[in-house]
Amino acid sequence: MSKRPKHVPQRTCIACRTLRPKRDLVRIVRLSSPEGESTVMVDETGKRSGRGAYLCRQRDCWERALARQQLERALKVTLTEEVKAHLREYASGLPQHLATRTEDEETTERRV
């Protein structure tokens, strides 16, 4: 009797709408303070509490999400220029495009 494969959590990139394993995406989180102010930041661990949105680890998705205000809609907040600059700075360290996917990865991913 074979063991059942381990469950891999899946999330959708808000920019390209591609379903990927959660660990392959970067989470952006909106934290709310007791005073009602919101802070938006990159969540490296993926475990911070707060409203989150996921983006692929490619600069194209980050640029698209910021340009089309997809990130603002997903987090339900208006981003300041300072926050946008911080997110662009983070994205500058990412590759422009992801490496070409293998056939195996293509069968496990689906476009929504």
N, C-alpha and C. Protein backbone atom coordinates (compact mmCIF):
# COMPACT_ATOMS: atom_id res chain seq x y z
N MET A 1 0.84 -1.18 0.00
CA MET A 1 0.00 0.00 0.00
C MET A 1 0.89 1.25 0.00
N SER A 2 0.68 2.12 -0.94
CA SER A 2 1.51 3.32 -1.03
C SER A 2 0.95 4.42 -0.13
N LYS A 3 1.88 5.27 0.31
CA LYS A 3 1.46 6.38 1.15
C LYS A 3 0.88 7.48 0.28
N ARG A 4 -0.02 8.19 0.85
CA ARG A 4 -0.64 9.31 0.16
C ARG A 4 0.37 10.46 0.08
N PRO A 5 0.47 11.14 -1.08
CA PRO A 5 1.42 12.26 -1.18
C PRO A 5 1.05 13.39 -0.22
N LYS A 6 2.08 14.06 0.28
CA LYS A 6 1.86 15.15 1.23
C LYS A 6 1.16 16.32 0.54
N HIS A 7 0.23 16.91 1.25
CA HIS A 7 -0.51 18.06 0.73
C HIS A 7 0.41 19.27 0.61
N VAL A 8 0.37 19.93 -0.55
CA VAL A 8 1.17 21.13 -0.78
C VAL A 8 0.20 22.30 -0.93
N PRO A 9 0.21 23.26 0.02
CA PRO A 9 -0.70 24.40 -0.09
C PRO A 9 -0.46 25.18 -1.38
N GLN A 10 -1.53 25.57 -2.05
CA GLN A 10 -1.47 26.30 -3.32
C GLN A 10 -2.04 27.70 -3.12
N ARG A 11 -1.45 28.68 -3.80
CA ARG A 11 -1.94 30.05 -3.77
C ARG A 11 -1.88 30.61 -5.20
N THR A 12 -2.65 31.66 -5.46
CA THR A 12 -2.70 32.27 -6.77
C THR A 12 -2.00 33.62 -6.75
N CYS A 13 -1.13 33.85 -7.72
CA CYS A 13 -0.48 35.15 -7.88
C CYS A 13 -1.55 36.15 -8.32
N ILE A 14 -1.63 37.30 -7.64
CA ILE A 14 -2.67 38.27 -7.98
C ILE A 14 -2.42 38.96 -9.31
N ALA A 15 -1.19 38.93 -9.80
CA ALA A 15 -0.86 39.61 -11.06
C ALA A 15 -1.11 38.72 -12.28
N CYS A 16 -0.53 37.52 -12.29
CA CYS A 16 -0.65 36.66 -13.47
C CYS A 16 -1.72 35.57 -13.32
N ARG A 17 -2.31 35.47 -12.13
CA ARG A 17 -3.38 34.51 -11.83
C ARG A 17 -2.94 33.06 -11.98
N THR A 18 -1.66 32.78 -11.82
CA THR A 18 -1.15 31.42 -11.91
C THR A 18 -1.17 30.77 -10.53
N LEU A 19 -1.66 29.55 -10.47
CA LEU A 19 -1.69 28.79 -9.22
C LEU A 19 -0.33 28.13 -9.03
N ARG A 20 0.29 28.38 -7.88
CA ARG A 20 1.62 27.83 -7.58
C ARG A 20 1.66 27.37 -6.13
N PRO A 21 2.65 26.52 -5.80
CA PRO A 21 2.84 26.17 -4.39
C PRO A 21 3.12 27.43 -3.57
N LYS A 22 2.56 27.50 -2.39
CA LYS A 22 2.68 28.67 -1.52
C LYS A 22 4.14 29.09 -1.31
N ARG A 23 5.04 28.13 -1.19
CA ARG A 23 6.45 28.43 -0.94
C ARG A 23 7.14 29.10 -2.13
N ASP A 24 6.56 29.00 -3.32
CA ASP A 24 7.15 29.61 -4.52
C ASP A 24 6.72 31.06 -4.71
N LEU A 25 5.83 31.54 -3.87
CA LEU A 25 5.31 32.90 -3.98
C LEU A 25 5.79 33.76 -2.81
N VAL A 26 5.71 35.07 -2.98
CA VAL A 26 6.06 36.02 -1.92
C VAL A 26 4.75 36.61 -1.41
N ARG A 27 4.60 36.65 -0.10
CA ARG A 27 3.38 37.20 0.51
C ARG A 27 3.60 38.65 0.89
N ILE A 28 2.64 39.48 0.53
CA ILE A 28 2.61 40.88 0.96
C ILE A 28 1.47 40.95 1.96
N VAL A 29 1.71 41.58 3.10
CA VAL A 29 0.71 41.60 4.16
C VAL A 29 0.39 43.02 4.59
N ARG A 30 -0.88 43.24 4.90
CA ARG A 30 -1.32 44.52 5.48
C ARG A 30 -1.56 44.28 6.96
N LEU A 31 -0.80 44.96 7.78
CA LEU A 31 -0.94 44.87 9.23
C LEU A 31 -1.74 46.07 9.72
N SER A 32 -2.67 45.84 10.61
CA SER A 32 -3.46 46.94 11.16
C SER A 32 -3.07 47.17 12.61
N SER A 33 -2.92 48.43 12.97
CA SER A 33 -2.59 48.78 14.35
C SER A 33 -3.89 49.03 15.12
N PRO A 34 -3.84 49.02 16.45
CA PRO A 34 -5.04 49.31 17.24
C PRO A 34 -5.63 50.69 16.96
N GLU A 35 -4.78 51.63 16.50
CA GLU A 35 -5.25 52.98 16.19
C GLU A 35 -5.98 53.03 14.84
N GLY A 36 -5.97 51.94 14.10
CA GLY A 36 -6.65 51.90 12.81
C GLY A 36 -5.76 52.20 11.62
N GLU A 37 -4.47 52.41 11.84
CA GLU A 37 -3.55 52.66 10.73
C GLU A 37 -3.06 51.34 10.16
N SER A 38 -2.78 51.33 8.86
CA SER A 38 -2.32 50.11 8.20
C SER A 38 -0.87 50.25 7.76
N THR A 39 -0.14 49.14 7.84
CA THR A 39 1.22 49.06 7.36
C THR A 39 1.29 47.91 6.37
N VAL A 40 1.92 48.14 5.22
CA VAL A 40 2.07 47.09 4.21
C VAL A 40 3.53 46.72 4.14
N MET A 41 3.81 45.41 4.16
CA MET A 41 5.19 44.95 4.11
C MET A 41 5.30 43.57 3.48
N VAL A 42 6.51 43.22 3.06
CA VAL A 42 6.78 41.89 2.52
C VAL A 42 6.88 40.94 3.70
N ASP A 43 6.18 39.83 3.62
CA ASP A 43 6.17 38.82 4.69
C ASP A 43 7.03 37.64 4.24
N GLU A 44 8.30 37.65 4.62
CA GLU A 44 9.23 36.59 4.22
C GLU A 44 8.81 35.22 4.75
N THR A 45 8.25 35.16 5.94
CA THR A 45 7.89 33.88 6.55
C THR A 45 6.55 33.37 6.05
N GLY A 46 5.68 34.26 5.60
CA GLY A 46 4.35 33.86 5.16
C GLY A 46 3.43 33.53 6.32
N LYS A 47 3.81 33.93 7.53
CA LYS A 47 3.04 33.55 8.72
C LYS A 47 2.51 34.73 9.53
N ARG A 48 2.81 35.95 9.10
CA ARG A 48 2.32 37.11 9.85
C ARG A 48 0.79 37.17 9.78
N SER A 49 0.20 37.68 10.84
CA SER A 49 -1.25 37.85 10.81
C SER A 49 -1.57 39.11 10.02
N GLY A 50 -2.71 39.14 9.41
CA GLY A 50 -3.11 40.29 8.62
C GLY A 50 -3.58 39.85 7.24
N ARG A 51 -4.14 40.78 6.51
CA ARG A 51 -4.64 40.48 5.17
C ARG A 51 -3.46 40.34 4.22
N GLY A 52 -3.42 39.25 3.47
CA GLY A 52 -2.28 38.99 2.61
C GLY A 52 -2.65 38.82 1.15
N ALA A 53 -1.64 38.98 0.31
CA ALA A 53 -1.76 38.76 -1.13
C ALA A 53 -0.44 38.13 -1.59
N TYR A 54 -0.50 37.33 -2.63
CA TYR A 54 0.68 36.60 -3.10
C TYR A 54 1.09 37.05 -4.50
N LEU A 55 2.42 37.13 -4.69
CA LEU A 55 3.00 37.47 -5.99
C LEU A 55 4.10 36.48 -6.33
N CYS A 56 4.26 36.19 -7.63
CA CYS A 56 5.35 35.33 -8.09
C CYS A 56 6.69 35.98 -7.79
N ARG A 57 7.72 35.19 -7.78
CA ARG A 57 9.08 35.70 -7.56
C ARG A 57 9.69 36.14 -8.89
N GLN A 58 8.96 36.99 -9.61
CA GLN A 58 9.47 37.57 -10.86
C GLN A 58 9.04 39.03 -10.91
N ARG A 59 9.93 39.86 -11.39
CA ARG A 59 9.71 41.30 -11.41
C ARG A 59 8.48 41.69 -12.24
N ASP A 60 8.22 40.98 -13.32
CA ASP A 60 7.07 41.30 -14.17
C ASP A 60 5.76 41.33 -13.37
N CYS A 61 5.57 40.34 -12.52
CA CYS A 61 4.33 40.28 -11.73
C CYS A 61 4.25 41.44 -10.74
N TRP A 62 5.36 41.80 -10.13
CA TRP A 62 5.38 42.90 -9.17
C TRP A 62 5.06 44.22 -9.87
N GLU A 63 5.67 44.44 -11.03
CA GLU A 63 5.42 45.67 -11.79
C GLU A 63 3.96 45.75 -12.23
N ARG A 64 3.42 44.63 -12.69
CA ARG A 64 2.03 44.59 -13.14
C ARG A 64 1.07 44.86 -11.96
N ALA A 65 1.33 44.24 -10.82
CA ALA A 65 0.46 44.41 -9.66
C ALA A 65 0.46 45.85 -9.16
N LEU A 66 1.62 46.50 -9.20
CA LEU A 66 1.69 47.90 -8.76
C LEU A 66 1.07 48.85 -9.78
N ALA A 67 1.33 48.61 -11.06
CA ALA A 67 0.82 49.49 -12.11
C ALA A 67 -0.70 49.43 -12.23
N ARG A 68 -1.26 48.26 -12.07
CA ARG A 68 -2.71 48.09 -12.24
C ARG A 68 -3.47 48.17 -10.92
N GLN A 69 -2.79 48.53 -9.86
CA GLN A 69 -3.37 48.65 -8.52
C GLN A 69 -4.02 47.35 -8.04
N GLN A 70 -3.52 46.21 -8.54
CA GLN A 70 -4.04 44.92 -8.11
C GLN A 70 -3.70 44.66 -6.64
N LEU A 71 -2.54 45.10 -6.23
CA LEU A 71 -2.11 44.91 -4.85
C LEU A 71 -3.00 45.73 -3.91
N GLU A 72 -3.31 46.93 -4.29
CA GLU A 72 -4.18 47.78 -3.47
C GLU A 72 -5.56 47.17 -3.32
N ARG A 73 -6.10 46.62 -4.41
CA ARG A 73 -7.42 45.98 -4.35
C ARG A 73 -7.38 44.74 -3.47
N ALA A 74 -6.35 43.93 -3.62
CA ALA A 74 -6.26 42.68 -2.86
C ALA A 74 -6.11 42.95 -1.36
N LEU A 75 -5.34 43.98 -1.01
CA LEU A 75 -5.11 44.30 0.40
C LEU A 75 -6.15 45.27 0.96
N LYS A 76 -6.98 45.82 0.09
CA LYS A 76 -8.01 46.78 0.48
C LYS A 76 -7.41 47.97 1.22
N VAL A 77 -6.40 48.58 0.59
CA VAL A 77 -5.71 49.72 1.17
C VAL A 77 -5.12 50.56 0.04
N THR A 78 -4.95 51.85 0.28
CA THR A 78 -4.27 52.72 -0.68
C THR A 78 -2.80 52.76 -0.31
N LEU A 79 -1.93 52.39 -1.25
CA LEU A 79 -0.49 52.36 -0.98
C LEU A 79 0.11 53.75 -1.14
N THR A 80 0.96 54.13 -0.21
CA THR A 80 1.67 55.40 -0.31
C THR A 80 2.83 55.23 -1.27
N GLU A 81 3.37 56.34 -1.75
CA GLU A 81 4.53 56.29 -2.65
C GLU A 81 5.73 55.65 -1.94
N GLU A 82 5.84 55.88 -0.64
CA GLU A 82 6.94 55.30 0.14
C GLU A 82 6.85 53.77 0.15
N VAL A 83 5.66 53.24 0.35
CA VAL A 83 5.46 51.78 0.36
C VAL A 83 5.70 51.22 -1.04
N LYS A 84 5.20 51.91 -2.07
CA LYS A 84 5.43 51.45 -3.45
C LYS A 84 6.91 51.42 -3.77
N ALA A 85 7.65 52.43 -3.32
CA ALA A 85 9.09 52.47 -3.55
C ALA A 85 9.79 51.31 -2.85
N HIS A 86 9.35 50.99 -1.63
CA HIS A 86 9.93 49.87 -0.89
C HIS A 86 9.66 48.55 -1.62
N LEU A 87 8.45 48.37 -2.13
CA LEU A 87 8.10 47.15 -2.85
C LEU A 87 8.87 47.05 -4.17
N ARG A 88 9.04 48.17 -4.86
CA ARG A 88 9.82 48.16 -6.11
C ARG A 88 11.28 47.82 -5.82
N GLU A 89 11.79 48.32 -4.70
CA GLU A 89 13.17 48.01 -4.31
C GLU A 89 13.33 46.52 -4.05
N TYR A 90 12.35 45.92 -3.37
CA TYR A 90 12.39 44.47 -3.12
C TYR A 90 12.33 43.72 -4.45
N ALA A 91 11.46 44.15 -5.35
CA ALA A 91 11.29 43.48 -6.64
C ALA A 91 12.52 43.61 -7.52
N SER A 92 13.32 44.65 -7.32
CA SER A 92 14.51 44.83 -8.16
C SER A 92 15.52 43.70 -7.96
N GLY A 93 15.44 43.00 -6.85
CA GLY A 93 16.33 41.87 -6.60
C GLY A 93 15.81 40.56 -7.17
N LEU A 94 14.64 40.59 -7.78
CA LEU A 94 14.04 39.38 -8.35
C LEU A 94 14.35 39.30 -9.84
N PRO A 95 14.33 38.08 -10.42
CA PRO A 95 14.55 37.97 -11.87
C PRO A 95 13.37 38.56 -12.64
N GLN A 96 13.64 39.05 -13.84
CA GLN A 96 12.58 39.64 -14.67
C GLN A 96 11.50 38.60 -14.98
N HIS A 97 11.92 37.39 -15.35
CA HIS A 97 11.00 36.29 -15.66
C HIS A 97 11.46 35.07 -14.90
N LEU A 98 10.54 34.17 -14.62
CA LEU A 98 10.91 32.90 -14.02
C LEU A 98 11.51 32.00 -15.09
N ALA A 99 12.35 31.07 -14.67
CA ALA A 99 12.93 30.12 -15.61
C ALA A 99 11.82 29.32 -16.27
N THR A 100 12.08 28.81 -17.44
CA THR A 100 11.10 28.02 -18.16
C THR A 100 10.70 26.81 -17.33
N ARG A 101 9.40 26.57 -17.28
CA ARG A 101 8.90 25.47 -16.47
C ARG A 101 9.11 24.14 -17.18
N THR A 102 9.28 23.09 -16.40
CA THR A 102 9.39 21.75 -16.96
C THR A 102 7.99 21.22 -17.23
N GLU A 103 7.89 20.14 -17.99
CA GLU A 103 6.58 19.56 -18.28
C GLU A 103 5.87 19.13 -17.01
N ASP A 104 6.63 18.60 -16.05
CA ASP A 104 6.04 18.14 -14.80
C ASP A 104 5.40 19.31 -14.05
N GLU A 105 6.07 20.46 -14.01
CA GLU A 105 5.52 21.62 -13.33
C GLU A 105 4.29 22.15 -14.05
N GLU A 106 4.30 22.08 -15.37
CA GLU A 106 3.16 22.57 -16.14
C GLU A 106 1.91 21.75 -15.88
N THR A 107 2.07 20.46 -15.64
CA THR A 107 0.90 19.63 -15.38
C THR A 107 0.35 19.86 -13.98
N THR A 108 1.21 20.28 -13.03
CA THR A 108 0.73 20.51 -11.67
C THR A 108 0.16 21.92 -11.49
N GLU A 109 0.51 22.83 -12.37
CA GLU A 109 -0.02 24.20 -12.30
C GLU A 109 -1.17 24.33 -13.27
N ARG A 110 -2.06 25.23 -12.94
CA ARG A 110 -3.14 25.51 -13.88
C ARG A 110 -3.42 27.00 -13.84
N ARG A 111 -3.82 27.51 -14.96
CA ARG A 111 -4.17 28.94 -15.01
C ARG A 111 -5.64 29.08 -14.63
N VAL A 112 -5.90 30.07 -13.83
CA VAL A 112 -7.27 30.30 -13.37
C VAL A 112 -7.95 31.27 -14.29
